C-alpha cells in the first residue's frame, strides 16, 4: 500500500468526520429546538387541563367536605341515641331486678 493512498484515506476519513460532526450538530440543534417547542406546547396543555380540573377538583372537595360534615352530624345523633338506649336498657334492667328482688 502506498503512503499517498493511506493519506487519501485519512483525509477522506477526516473530511467525512468533519462533515458528519457539522451535520450532527445541525441535527442536534434542530432536535433541541423541536423538543423545546414540544415541551412548551405540552406545558400549555397541562396548564389548560390542570386549571380546568383545579376548579372541578375544588368543587368536588367542597362537596366532599359538606358530605363529611353531614356524616359527622349523623354519627353524633346516632351516638346520642345509643347512649339514650343504653341508659333506658340499664334503667329497665334495674327496675326488673328490683321487682324480682322485691317479689322474693
C-alpha atoms as a PDB file:
ATOM      1  CA  UNK A   1       0.000   0.000   0.000  1.00  0.00           C
ATOM      2  CA  UNK A   2       1.264   3.438  -0.887  1.00  0.00           C
ATOM      3  CA  UNK A   3       1.606   6.242   1.672  1.00  0.00           C
ATOM      4  CA  UNK A   4      -0.267   8.599  -0.654  1.00  0.00           C
ATOM      5  CA  UNK A   5      -3.164   6.162  -0.746  1.00  0.00           C
ATOM      6  CA  UNK A   6      -3.160   5.911   3.055  1.00  0.00           C
ATOM      7  CA  UNK A   7      -3.006   9.723   3.266  1.00  0.00           C
ATOM      8  CA  UNK A   8      -6.020   9.941   0.957  1.00  0.00           C
ATOM      9  CA  UNK A   9      -7.974   7.577   3.165  1.00  0.00           C
ATOM     10  CA  UNK A  10      -7.034   9.621   6.241  1.00  0.00           C
ATOM     11  CA  UNK A  11      -8.048  12.899   4.556  1.00  0.00           C
ATOM     12  CA  UNK A  12     -11.287  11.345   3.350  1.00  0.00           C
ATOM     13  CA  UNK A  13     -11.997   9.954   6.800  1.00  0.00           C
ATOM     14  CA  UNK A  14     -11.266  13.284   8.485  1.00  0.00           C
ATOM     15  CA  UNK A  15     -13.373  15.141   5.936  1.00  0.00           C
ATOM     16  CA  UNK A  16     -16.228  12.718   6.492  1.00  0.00           C
ATOM     17  CA  UNK A  17     -15.801  13.082  10.245  1.00  0.00           C
ATOM     18  CA  UNK A  18     -15.896  16.882   9.994  1.00  0.00           C
ATOM     19  CA  UNK A  19     -18.942  16.888   7.719  1.00  0.00           C
ATOM     20  CA  UNK A  20     -20.621  14.340   9.965  1.00  0.00           C
ATOM     21  CA  UNK A  21     -19.851  16.454  13.019  1.00  0.00           C
ATOM     22  CA  UNK A  22     -21.209  19.620  11.422  1.00  0.00           C
ATOM     23  CA  UNK A  23     -24.332  17.864  10.146  1.00  0.00           C
ATOM     24  CA  UNK A  24     -24.767  16.143  13.515  1.00  0.00           C
ATOM     25  CA  UNK A  25     -24.567  19.482  15.322  1.00  0.00           C
ATOM     26  CA  UNK A  26     -27.151  20.922  12.951  1.00  0.00           C
ATOM     27  CA  UNK A  27     -29.450  17.956  13.573  1.00  0.00           C
ATOM     28  CA  UNK A  28     -28.870  18.250  17.314  1.00  0.00           C
ATOM     29  CA  UNK A  29     -29.771  21.959  17.270  1.00  0.00           C
ATOM     30  CA  UNK A  30     -32.927  21.288  15.249  1.00  0.00           C
ATOM     31  CA  UNK A  31     -33.901  18.407  17.529  1.00  0.00           C
ATOM     32  CA  UNK A  32     -33.309  20.549  20.631  1.00  0.00           C
ATOM     33  CA  UNK A  33     -35.490  23.341  19.190  1.00  0.00           C
ATOM     34  CA  UNK A  34     -38.203  20.835  18.284  1.00  0.00           C
ATOM     35  CA  UNK A  35     -38.081  19.283  21.750  1.00  0.00           C
ATOM     36  CA  UNK A  36     -38.248  22.720  23.409  1.00  0.00           C
ATOM     37  CA  UNK A  37     -41.276  23.583  21.263  1.00  0.00           C
ATOM     38  CA  UNK A  38     -42.934  20.297  22.171  1.00  0.00           C
ATOM     39  CA  UNK A  39     -42.241  20.817  25.885  1.00  0.00           C
ATOM     40  CA  UNK A  40     -43.724  24.321  25.698  1.00  0.00           C
ATOM     41  CA  UNK A  41     -46.878  23.039  23.997  1.00  0.00           C
ATOM     42  CA  UNK A  42     -47.180  20.203  26.497  1.00  0.00           C
ATOM     43  CA  UNK A  43     -46.757  22.644  29.375  1.00  0.00           C
ATOM     44  CA  UNK A  44     -49.523  24.843  27.986  1.00  0.00           C
ATOM     45  CA  UNK A  45     -51.777  21.829  27.556  1.00  0.00           C
ATOM     46  CA  UNK A  46     -51.118  20.644  31.110  1.00  0.00           C
ATOM     47  CA  UNK A  47     -51.839  24.134  32.405  1.00  0.00           C
ATOM     48  CA  UNK A  48     -55.079  24.338  30.427  1.00  0.00           C
ATOM     49  CA  UNK A  49     -56.246  20.908  31.542  1.00  0.00           C
ATOM     50  CA  UNK A  50     -54.929  21.383  35.066  1.00  0.00           C
ATOM     51  CA  UNK A  51     -56.695  24.699  35.629  1.00  0.00           C
ATOM     52  CA  UNK A  52     -59.972  23.214  34.398  1.00  0.00           C
ATOM     53  CA  UNK A  53     -59.506  20.236  36.663  1.00  0.00           C
ATOM     54  CA  UNK A  54     -58.491  22.514  39.514  1.00  0.00           C
ATOM     55  CA  UNK A  55     -61.887  24.213  39.544  1.00  0.00           C
ATOM     56  CA  UNK A  56     -63.716  20.906  39.286  1.00  0.00           C
ATOM     57  CA  UNK A  57     -61.442  19.428  41.944  1.00  0.00           C
ATOM     58  CA  UNK A  58     -62.112  22.351  44.287  1.00  0.00           C
ATOM     59  CA  UNK A  59     -65.868  21.933  43.810  1.00  0.00           C
ATOM     60  CA  UNK A  60     -65.610  18.198  44.435  1.00  0.00           C
ATOM     61  CA  UNK A  61     -63.528  18.832  47.547  1.00  0.00           C
ATOM     62  CA  UNK A  62     -66.124  21.284  48.874  1.00  0.00           C
ATOM     63  CA  UNK A  63     -68.913  18.782  48.167  1.00  0.00           C
ATOM     64  CA  UNK A  64     -66.927  16.043  49.891  1.00  0.00           C
ATOM     65  CA  UNK A  65     -66.308  18.280  52.921  1.00  0.00           C
ATOM     66  CA  UNK A  66     -70.043  19.005  53.174  1.00  0.00           C
ATOM     67  CA  UNK A  67     -70.823  15.281  52.988  1.00  0.00           C
ATOM     68  CA  UNK A  68     -68.300  14.573  55.742  1.00  0.00           C
ATOM     69  CA  UNK A  69     -69.913  17.247  57.937  1.00  0.00           C
ATOM     70  CA  UNK A  70     -73.327  15.640  57.393  1.00  0.00           C
ATOM     71  CA  UNK A  71     -71.869  12.245  58.239  1.00  0.00           C
ATOM     72  CA  UNK A  72     -70.290  13.620  61.421  1.00  0.00           C
ATOM     73  CA  UNK A  73     -73.673  15.063  62.435  1.00  0.00           C
ATOM     74  CA  UNK A  74     -75.395  11.721  61.775  1.00  0.00           C
ATOM     75  CA  UNK A  75     -72.750   9.885  63.807  1.00  0.00           C
ATOM     76  CA  UNK A  76     -73.248  12.303  66.715  1.00  0.00           C
ATOM     77  CA  UNK A  77     -77.040  11.776  66.603  1.00  0.00           C
ATOM     78  CA  UNK A  78     -76.557   8.021  66.457  1.00  0.00           C
ATOM     79  CA  UNK A  79     -74.159   8.090  69.393  1.00  0.00           C
ATOM     80  CA  UNK A  80     -76.692  10.096  71.413  1.00  0.00           C
ATOM     81  CA  UNK A  81     -79.430   7.596  70.515  1.00  0.00           C
ATOM     82  CA  UNK A  82     -77.205   4.686  71.525  1.00  0.00           C
ATOM     83  CA  UNK A  83     -76.451   6.401  74.843  1.00  0.00           C
ATOM     84  CA  UNK A  84     -80.195   7.012  75.444  1.00  0.00           C
ATOM     85  CA  UNK A  85     -80.986   3.415  74.540  1.00  0.00           C
ATOM     86  CA  UNK A  86     -78.205   2.159  76.795  1.00  0.00           C
ATOM     87  CA  UNK A  87     -79.460   4.289  79.667  1.00  0.00           C
ATOM     88  CA  UNK A  88     -83.032   3.089  79.103  1.00  0.00           C
ATOM     89  CA  UNK A  89     -81.845  -0.520  78.963  1.00  0.00           C
ATOM     90  CA  UNK A  90     -79.897  -0.147  82.204  1.00  0.00           C
ATOM     91  CA  UNK A  91     -82.889   1.543  83.893  1.00  0.00           C
ATOM     92  CA  UNK A  92     -85.213  -1.253  82.731  1.00  0.00           C
ATOM     93  CA  UNK A  93     -82.772  -3.873  83.975  1.00  0.00           C
ATOM     94  CA  UNK A  94     -82.509  -2.146  87.363  1.00  0.00           C
ATOM     95  CA  UNK A  95     -86.309  -1.932  87.653  1.00  0.00           C
ATOM     96  CA  UNK A  96     -86.675  -5.581  86.608  1.00  0.00           C
ATOM     97  CA  UNK A  97     -84.054  -6.660  89.119  1.00  0.00           C
ATOM     98  CA  UNK A  98     -85.724  -4.553  91.808  1.00  0.00           C
ATOM     99  CA  UNK A  99     -89.108  -6.143  91.020  1.00  0.00           C
ATOM    100  CA  UNK A 100     -87.648  -9.649  91.202  1.00  0.00           C
ATOM    101  CA  UNK A 101     -85.848  -8.865  94.448  1.00  0.00           C
ATOM    102  CA  UNK A 102     -88.983  -7.304  95.975  1.00  0.00           C
ATOM    103  CA  UNK A 103     -91.066 -10.335  94.972  1.00  0.00           C
ATOM    104  CA  UNK A 104     -88.836 -12.766  96.865  1.00  0.00           C
END
